[in-house]
PDB file of all heavy atoms in Angstrom:
ATOM      1  N   ALA A   1       0.830  -1.239   0.008  1.00  0.00           N
ATOM      2  CA  ALA A   1      -0.008   0.019   0.007  1.00  0.00           C
ATOM      3  C   ALA A   1       0.842   1.232   0.010  1.00  0.00           C
ATOM      4  O   ALA A   1       0.409   2.307   0.531  1.00  0.00           O
ATOM      5  CB  ALA A   1      -0.970  -0.044   1.231  1.00  0.00           C
ATOM      6  N   HIS A   2       2.092   1.209  -0.550  1.00  0.00           N
ATOM      7  CA  HIS A   2       3.000   2.310  -0.500  1.00  0.00           C
ATOM      8  C   HIS A   2       2.464   3.612  -1.085  1.00  0.00           C
ATOM      9  O   HIS A   2       2.958   4.669  -0.754  1.00  0.00           O
ATOM     10  CB  HIS A   2       4.387   1.916  -1.006  1.00  0.00           C
ATOM     11  CG  HIS A   2       4.354   1.652  -2.539  1.00  0.00           C
ATOM     12  ND1 HIS A   2       3.872   0.488  -3.022  1.00  0.00           N
ATOM     13  CD2 HIS A   2       4.736   2.404  -3.581  1.00  0.00           C
ATOM     14  CE1 HIS A   2       4.035   0.571  -4.370  1.00  0.00           C
ATOM     15  NE2 HIS A   2       4.459   1.705  -4.753  1.00  0.00           N
ATOM     16  N   HIS A   3       1.605   3.556  -2.019  1.00  0.00           N
ATOM     17  CA  HIS A   3       1.047   4.738  -2.640  1.00  0.00           C
ATOM     18  C   HIS A   3      -0.025   5.417  -1.772  1.00  0.00           C
ATOM     19  O   HIS A   3      -0.449   6.584  -2.075  1.00  0.00           O
ATOM     20  CB  HIS A   3       0.392   4.398  -4.004  1.00  0.00           C
ATOM     21  CG  HIS A   3       1.343   4.166  -5.107  1.00  0.00           C
ATOM     22  ND1 HIS A   3       1.037   3.686  -6.374  1.00  0.00           N
ATOM     23  CD2 HIS A   3       2.758   4.285  -5.070  1.00  0.00           C
ATOM     24  CE1 HIS A   3       2.141   3.565  -7.043  1.00  0.00           C
ATOM     25  NE2 HIS A   3       3.176   3.910  -6.325  1.00  0.00           N
ATOM     26  N   PHE A   4      -0.437   4.792  -0.728  1.00  0.00           N
ATOM     27  CA  PHE A   4      -1.502   5.283   0.140  1.00  0.00           C
ATOM     28  C   PHE A   4      -1.126   5.484   1.604  1.00  0.00           C
ATOM     29  O   PHE A   4      -1.598   6.396   2.222  1.00  0.00           O
ATOM     30  CB  PHE A   4      -2.730   4.324   0.150  1.00  0.00           C
ATOM     31  CG  PHE A   4      -3.274   4.052  -1.271  1.00  0.00           C
ATOM     32  CD1 PHE A   4      -2.837   3.022  -2.044  1.00  0.00           C
ATOM     33  CD2 PHE A   4      -4.193   4.985  -1.798  1.00  0.00           C
ATOM     34  CE1 PHE A   4      -3.347   2.771  -3.315  1.00  0.00           C
ATOM     35  CE2 PHE A   4      -4.742   4.748  -3.096  1.00  0.00           C
ATOM     36  CZ  PHE A   4      -4.280   3.632  -3.819  1.00  0.00           C
ATOM     37  N   ILE A   5      -0.269   4.622   2.141  1.00  0.00           N
ATOM     38  CA  ILE A   5       0.020   4.598   3.548  1.00  0.00           C
ATOM     39  C   ILE A   5       0.462   5.950   4.136  1.00  0.00           C
ATOM     40  O   ILE A   5       0.052   6.349   5.242  1.00  0.00           O
ATOM     41  CB  ILE A   5       1.011   3.440   3.926  1.00  0.00           C
ATOM     42  CG1 ILE A   5       1.163   3.320   5.407  1.00  0.00           C
ATOM     43  CG2 ILE A   5       2.344   3.616   3.210  1.00  0.00           C
ATOM     44  CD1 ILE A   5       1.915   2.112   5.854  1.00  0.00           C
ATOM     45  N   TYR A   6       1.367   6.663   3.445  1.00  0.00           N
ATOM     46  CA  TYR A   6       1.822   7.942   3.970  1.00  0.00           C
ATOM     47  C   TYR A   6       1.237   9.130   3.162  1.00  0.00           C
ATOM     48  O   TYR A   6       1.676  10.264   3.319  1.00  0.00           O
ATOM     49  CB  TYR A   6       3.367   8.033   3.893  1.00  0.00           C
ATOM     50  CG  TYR A   6       4.098   6.961   4.703  1.00  0.00           C
ATOM     51  CD1 TYR A   6       5.377   6.611   4.380  1.00  0.00           C
ATOM     52  CD2 TYR A   6       3.565   6.460   5.867  1.00  0.00           C
ATOM     53  CE1 TYR A   6       6.013   5.601   5.171  1.00  0.00           C
ATOM     54  CE2 TYR A   6       4.107   5.519   6.614  1.00  0.00           C
ATOM     55  CZ  TYR A   6       5.374   5.124   6.281  1.00  0.00           C
ATOM     56  OH  TYR A   6       6.051   4.168   7.076  1.00  0.00           O
ATOM     57  N   ASP A   7       0.267   8.878   2.406  1.00  0.00           N
ATOM     58  CA  ASP A   7      -0.323   9.887   1.507  1.00  0.00           C
ATOM     59  C   ASP A   7      -1.680  10.313   1.888  1.00  0.00           C
ATOM     60  O   ASP A   7      -2.234  11.250   1.326  1.00  0.00           O
ATOM     61  CB  ASP A   7      -0.336   9.393  -0.001  1.00  0.00           C
ATOM     62  CG  ASP A   7      -0.532  10.510  -0.985  1.00  0.00           C
ATOM     63  OD1 ASP A   7       0.363  11.442  -0.995  1.00  0.00           O
ATOM     64  OD2 ASP A   7      -1.506  10.496  -1.658  1.00  0.00           O
ATOM     65  N   THR A   8      -2.310   9.640   2.869  1.00  0.00           N
ATOM     66  CA  THR A   8      -3.675   9.920   3.305  1.00  0.00           C
ATOM     67  C   THR A   8      -3.641  10.034   4.897  1.00  0.00           C
ATOM     68  O   THR A   8      -2.645   9.944   5.494  1.00  0.00           O
ATOM     69  CB  THR A   8      -4.662   8.875   2.843  1.00  0.00           C
ATOM     70  OG1 THR A   8      -4.364   7.603   3.594  1.00  0.00           O
ATOM     71  CG2 THR A   8      -4.607   8.594   1.417  1.00  0.00           C
ATOM     72  N   MET A   9      -4.828  10.230   5.423  1.00  0.00           N
ATOM     73  CA  MET A   9      -5.011  10.417   6.874  1.00  0.00           C
ATOM     74  C   MET A   9      -5.385   9.099   7.467  1.00  0.00           C
ATOM     75  O   MET A   9      -5.498   9.015   8.756  1.00  0.00           O
ATOM     76  CB  MET A   9      -6.030  11.489   7.209  1.00  0.00           C
ATOM     77  CG  MET A   9      -7.395  11.141   6.626  1.00  0.00           C
ATOM     78  SD  MET A   9      -8.687  12.156   7.336  1.00  0.00           S
ATOM     79  CE  MET A   9      -8.787  11.421   8.944  1.00  0.00           C
ATOM     80  N   ASP A  10      -5.589   8.079   6.765  1.00  0.00           N
ATOM     81  CA  ASP A  10      -6.208   6.883   7.289  1.00  0.00           C
ATOM     82  C   ASP A  10      -5.329   6.092   8.247  1.00  0.00           C
ATOM     83  O   ASP A  10      -5.822   5.401   9.167  1.00  0.00           O
ATOM     84  CB  ASP A  10      -6.623   5.937   6.101  1.00  0.00           C
ATOM     85  CG  ASP A  10      -7.700   6.533   5.241  1.00  0.00           C
ATOM     86  OD1 ASP A  10      -8.834   6.399   5.598  1.00  0.00           O
ATOM     87  OD2 ASP A  10      -7.356   7.251   4.226  1.00  0.00           O
ATOM     88  N   LEU A  11      -3.995   6.226   8.103  1.00  0.00           N
ATOM     89  CA  LEU A  11      -3.154   5.544   9.010  1.00  0.00           C
ATOM     90  C   LEU A  11      -3.192   6.191  10.433  1.00  0.00           C
ATOM     91  O   LEU A  11      -3.111   5.508  11.449  1.00  0.00           O
ATOM     92  CB  LEU A  11      -1.641   5.566   8.553  1.00  0.00           C
ATOM     93  CG  LEU A  11      -0.681   4.648   9.232  1.00  0.00           C
ATOM     94  CD1 LEU A  11      -1.033   3.219   8.868  1.00  0.00           C
ATOM     95  CD2 LEU A  11       0.728   4.899   8.803  1.00  0.00           C
ATOM     96  N   VAL A  12      -3.460   7.456  10.506  1.00  0.00           N
ATOM     97  CA  VAL A  12      -3.556   8.149  11.811  1.00  0.00           C
ATOM     98  C   VAL A  12      -4.848   7.769  12.469  1.00  0.00           C
ATOM     99  O   VAL A  12      -4.892   7.545  13.708  1.00  0.00           O
ATOM    100  CB  VAL A  12      -3.533   9.731  11.586  1.00  0.00           C
ATOM    101  CG1 VAL A  12      -3.605  10.396  12.945  1.00  0.00           C
ATOM    102  CG2 VAL A  12      -2.225  10.108  10.919  1.00  0.00           C
ATOM    103  N   PHE A  13      -5.914   7.565  11.727  1.00  0.00           N
ATOM    104  CA  PHE A  13      -7.137   7.015  12.273  1.00  0.00           C
ATOM    105  C   PHE A  13      -6.955   5.651  12.768  1.00  0.00           C
ATOM    106  O   PHE A  13      -7.447   5.321  13.874  1.00  0.00           O
ATOM    107  CB  PHE A  13      -8.203   7.030  11.146  1.00  0.00           C
ATOM    108  CG  PHE A  13      -9.546   6.394  11.537  1.00  0.00           C
ATOM    109  CD1 PHE A  13     -10.326   6.905  12.512  1.00  0.00           C
ATOM    110  CD2 PHE A  13      -9.961   5.286  10.820  1.00  0.00           C
ATOM    111  CE1 PHE A  13     -11.511   6.301  12.881  1.00  0.00           C
ATOM    112  CE2 PHE A  13     -11.152   4.685  11.181  1.00  0.00           C
ATOM    113  CZ  PHE A  13     -11.948   5.159  12.246  1.00  0.00           C
ATOM    114  N   ALA A  14      -6.263   4.782  12.041  1.00  0.00           N
ATOM    115  CA  ALA A  14      -5.983   3.447  12.473  1.00  0.00           C
ATOM    116  C   ALA A  14      -5.181   3.468  13.784  1.00  0.00           C
ATOM    117  O   ALA A  14      -5.351   2.613  14.627  1.00  0.00           O
ATOM    118  CB  ALA A  14      -5.225   2.668  11.398  1.00  0.00           C
ATOM    119  N   LEU A  15      -4.173   4.442  13.900  1.00  0.00           N
ATOM    120  CA  LEU A  15      -3.362   4.498  15.106  1.00  0.00           C
ATOM    121  C   LEU A  15      -4.287   4.843  16.336  1.00  0.00           C
ATOM    122  O   LEU A  15      -4.044   4.246  17.410  1.00  0.00           O
ATOM    123  CB  LEU A  15      -2.349   5.567  14.908  1.00  0.00           C
ATOM    124  CG  LEU A  15      -1.513   5.972  16.195  1.00  0.00           C
ATOM    125  CD1 LEU A  15      -0.807   4.693  16.812  1.00  0.00           C
ATOM    126  CD2 LEU A  15      -0.538   7.062  15.897  1.00  0.00           C
ATOM    127  N   ALA A  16      -5.192   5.736  16.133  1.00  0.00           N
ATOM    128  CA  ALA A  16      -6.065   6.073  17.259  1.00  0.00           C
ATOM    129  C   ALA A  16      -6.887   4.851  17.761  1.00  0.00           C
ATOM    130  O   ALA A  16      -7.015   4.580  18.933  1.00  0.00           O
ATOM    131  CB  ALA A  16      -7.042   7.197  16.828  1.00  0.00           C
ATOM    132  N   ILE A  17      -7.395   4.040  16.764  1.00  0.00           N
ATOM    133  CA  ILE A  17      -8.121   2.851  17.158  1.00  0.00           C
ATOM    134  C   ILE A  17      -7.187   1.844  17.838  1.00  0.00           C
ATOM    135  O   ILE A  17      -7.611   1.331  18.894  1.00  0.00           O
ATOM    136  CB  ILE A  17      -8.750   2.250  15.905  1.00  0.00           C
ATOM    137  CG1 ILE A  17      -9.788   3.130  15.242  1.00  0.00           C
ATOM    138  CG2 ILE A  17      -9.336   0.872  16.230  1.00  0.00           C
ATOM    139  CD1 ILE A  17     -10.397   2.611  14.003  1.00  0.00           C
ATOM    140  N   VAL A  18      -6.049   1.591  17.278  1.00  0.00           N
ATOM    141  CA  VAL A  18      -5.093   0.661  17.899  1.00  0.00           C
ATOM    142  C   VAL A  18      -4.706   1.125  19.256  1.00  0.00           C
ATOM    143  O   VAL A  18      -4.565   0.286  20.189  1.00  0.00           O
ATOM    144  CB  VAL A  18      -3.864   0.496  16.961  1.00  0.00           C
ATOM    145  CG1 VAL A  18      -2.763  -0.355  17.631  1.00  0.00           C
ATOM    146  CG2 VAL A  18      -4.288  -0.181  15.651  1.00  0.00           C
ATOM    147  N   PHE A  19      -4.428   2.421  19.496  1.00  0.00           N
ATOM    148  CA  PHE A  19      -4.015   2.877  20.782  1.00  0.00           C
ATOM    149  C   PHE A  19      -5.110   2.721  21.796  1.00  0.00           C
ATOM    150  O   PHE A  19      -4.846   2.311  22.949  1.00  0.00           O
ATOM    151  CB  PHE A  19      -3.649   4.425  20.690  1.00  0.00           C
ATOM    152  CG  PHE A  19      -3.369   5.012  22.007  1.00  0.00           C
ATOM    153  CD1 PHE A  19      -2.136   4.794  22.573  1.00  0.00           C
ATOM    154  CD2 PHE A  19      -4.250   5.894  22.614  1.00  0.00           C
ATOM    155  CE1 PHE A  19      -1.816   5.349  23.795  1.00  0.00           C
ATOM    156  CE2 PHE A  19      -3.910   6.438  23.830  1.00  0.00           C
ATOM    157  CZ  PHE A  19      -2.710   6.230  24.459  1.00  0.00           C
ATOM    158  N   GLY A  20      -6.375   2.908  21.304  1.00  0.00           N
ATOM    159  CA  GLY A  20      -7.501   2.714  22.246  1.00  0.00           C
ATOM    160  C   GLY A  20      -7.645   1.251  22.633  1.00  0.00           C
ATOM    161  O   GLY A  20      -8.066   0.970  23.768  1.00  0.00           O
ATOM    162  N   LEU A  21      -7.359   0.325  21.749  1.00  0.00           N
ATOM    163  CA  LEU A  21      -7.533  -1.071  22.012  1.00  0.00           C
ATOM    164  C   LEU A  21      -6.345  -1.585  22.824  1.00  0.00           C
ATOM    165  O   LEU A  21      -6.457  -2.479  23.698  1.00  0.00           O
ATOM    166  CB  LEU A  21      -7.645  -1.860  20.734  1.00  0.00           C
ATOM    167  CG  LEU A  21      -8.863  -1.593  19.850  1.00  0.00           C
ATOM    168  CD1 LEU A  21      -8.792  -2.309  18.534  1.00  0.00           C
ATOM    169  CD2 LEU A  21     -10.115  -2.064  20.606  1.00  0.00           C
ATOM    170  N   ALA A  22      -5.135  -1.081  22.548  1.00  0.00           N
ATOM    171  CA  ALA A  22      -3.918  -1.616  23.184  1.00  0.00           C
ATOM    172  C   ALA A  22      -3.726  -1.070  24.648  1.00  0.00           C
ATOM    173  O   ALA A  22      -3.140  -1.775  25.485  1.00  0.00           O
ATOM    174  CB  ALA A  22      -2.704  -1.228  22.339  1.00  0.00           C
ATOM    175  N   SER A  23      -4.269   0.181  24.903  1.00  0.00           N
ATOM    176  CA  SER A  23      -3.975   0.770  26.154  1.00  0.00           C
ATOM    177  C   SER A  23      -4.421  -0.087  27.362  1.00  0.00           C
ATOM    178  O   SER A  23      -3.695  -0.243  28.363  1.00  0.00           O
ATOM    179  CB  SER A  23      -4.620   2.125  26.271  1.00  0.00           C
ATOM    180  OG  SER A  23      -3.974   3.008  25.313  1.00  0.00           O
ATOM    181  N   PRO A  24      -5.667  -0.634  27.388  1.00  0.00           N
ATOM    182  CA  PRO A  24      -6.072  -1.410  28.567  1.00  0.00           C
ATOM    183  C   PRO A  24      -5.268  -2.630  28.747  1.00  0.00           C
ATOM    184  O   PRO A  24      -5.181  -3.180  29.839  1.00  0.00           O
ATOM    185  CB  PRO A  24      -7.605  -1.773  28.184  1.00  0.00           C
ATOM    186  CG  PRO A  24      -7.975  -0.703  27.239  1.00  0.00           C
ATOM    187  CD  PRO A  24      -6.810  -0.428  26.408  1.00  0.00           C
ATOM    188  N   ILE A  25      -4.611  -3.101  27.630  1.00  0.00           N
ATOM    189  CA  ILE A  25      -3.795  -4.344  27.719  1.00  0.00           C
ATOM    190  C   ILE A  25      -2.409  -3.988  28.249  1.00  0.00           C
ATOM    191  O   ILE A  25      -1.851  -4.799  29.052  1.00  0.00           O
ATOM    192  CB  ILE A  25      -3.708  -4.953  26.304  1.00  0.00           C
ATOM    193  CG1 ILE A  25      -5.030  -5.330  25.735  1.00  0.00           C
ATOM    194  CG2 ILE A  25      -2.820  -6.220  26.337  1.00  0.00           C
ATOM    195  CD1 ILE A  25      -5.036  -5.708  24.257  1.00  0.00           C
ATOM    196  N   LEU A  26      -1.872  -2.869  27.801  1.00  0.00           N
ATOM    197  CA  LEU A  26      -0.463  -2.544  28.131  1.00  0.00           C
ATOM    198  C   LEU A  26      -0.259  -1.656  29.346  1.00  0.00           C
ATOM    199  O   LEU A  26       0.748  -1.820  30.018  1.00  0.00           O
ATOM    200  CB  LEU A  26       0.165  -1.820  26.948  1.00  0.00           C
ATOM    201  CG  LEU A  26       0.121  -2.569  25.607  1.00  0.00           C
ATOM    202  CD1 LEU A  26       0.773  -1.753  24.526  1.00  0.00           C
ATOM    203  CD2 LEU A  26       0.839  -3.892  25.700  1.00  0.00           C
ATOM    204  N   PHE A  27      -1.224  -0.813  29.693  1.00  0.00           N
ATOM    205  CA  PHE A  27      -1.111   0.080  30.800  1.00  0.00           C
ATOM    206  C   PHE A  27      -1.832  -0.461  32.038  1.00  0.00           C
ATOM    207  O   PHE A  27      -3.071  -0.313  32.085  1.00  0.00           O
ATOM    208  CB  PHE A  27      -1.510   1.497  30.452  1.00  0.00           C
ATOM    209  CG  PHE A  27      -0.798   2.091  29.326  1.00  0.00           C
ATOM    210  CD1 PHE A  27      -1.413   2.243  28.079  1.00  0.00           C
ATOM    211  CD2 PHE A  27       0.547   2.522  29.509  1.00  0.00           C
ATOM    212  CE1 PHE A  27      -0.708   2.846  27.004  1.00  0.00           C
ATOM    213  CE2 PHE A  27       1.238   3.124  28.465  1.00  0.00           C
ATOM    214  CZ  PHE A  27       0.636   3.262  27.175  1.00  0.00           C
ATOM    215  N   GLU A  28      -1.139  -1.079  32.908  1.00  0.00           N
ATOM    216  CA  GLU A  28      -1.783  -1.674  34.046  1.00  0.00           C
ATOM    217  C   GLU A  28      -1.731  -0.898  35.293  1.00  0.00           C
ATOM    218  O   GLU A  28      -2.284  -1.267  36.326  1.00  0.00           O
ATOM    219  CB  GLU A  28      -1.238  -3.140  34.306  1.00  0.00           C
ATOM    220  CG  GLU A  28      -1.384  -4.086  33.066  1.00  0.00           C
ATOM    221  CD  GLU A  28      -0.801  -5.413  33.381  1.00  0.00           C
ATOM    222  OE1 GLU A  28       0.155  -5.507  34.168  1.00  0.00           O
ATOM    223  OE2 GLU A  28      -1.259  -6.395  32.753  1.00  0.00           O
ATOM    224  N   LYS A  29      -0.987   0.225  35.290  1.00  0.00           N
ATOM    225  CA  LYS A  29      -0.828   1.032  36.516  1.00  0.00           C
ATOM    226  C   LYS A  29      -2.193   1.619  36.883  1.00  0.00           C
ATOM    227  O   LYS A  29      -3.040   1.883  36.070  1.00  0.00           O
ATOM    228  CB  LYS A  29       0.207   2.126  36.242  1.00  0.00           C
ATOM    229  CG  LYS A  29       1.573   1.648  36.089  1.00  0.00           C
ATOM    230  CD  LYS A  29       2.614   2.734  35.976  1.00  0.00           C
ATOM    231  CE  LYS A  29       4.019   2.266  35.853  1.00  0.00           C
ATOM    232  NZ  LYS A  29       5.000   3.448  35.796  1.00  0.00           N
TER     233      LYS A  29
END
């Protein structure tokens, strides 16, 4: 997907979703 991955905003949206899902798993403090 090299023509799209750094050329649109969709990867940032995906990061927000992944961060939201990963946080309860990784941050236990």
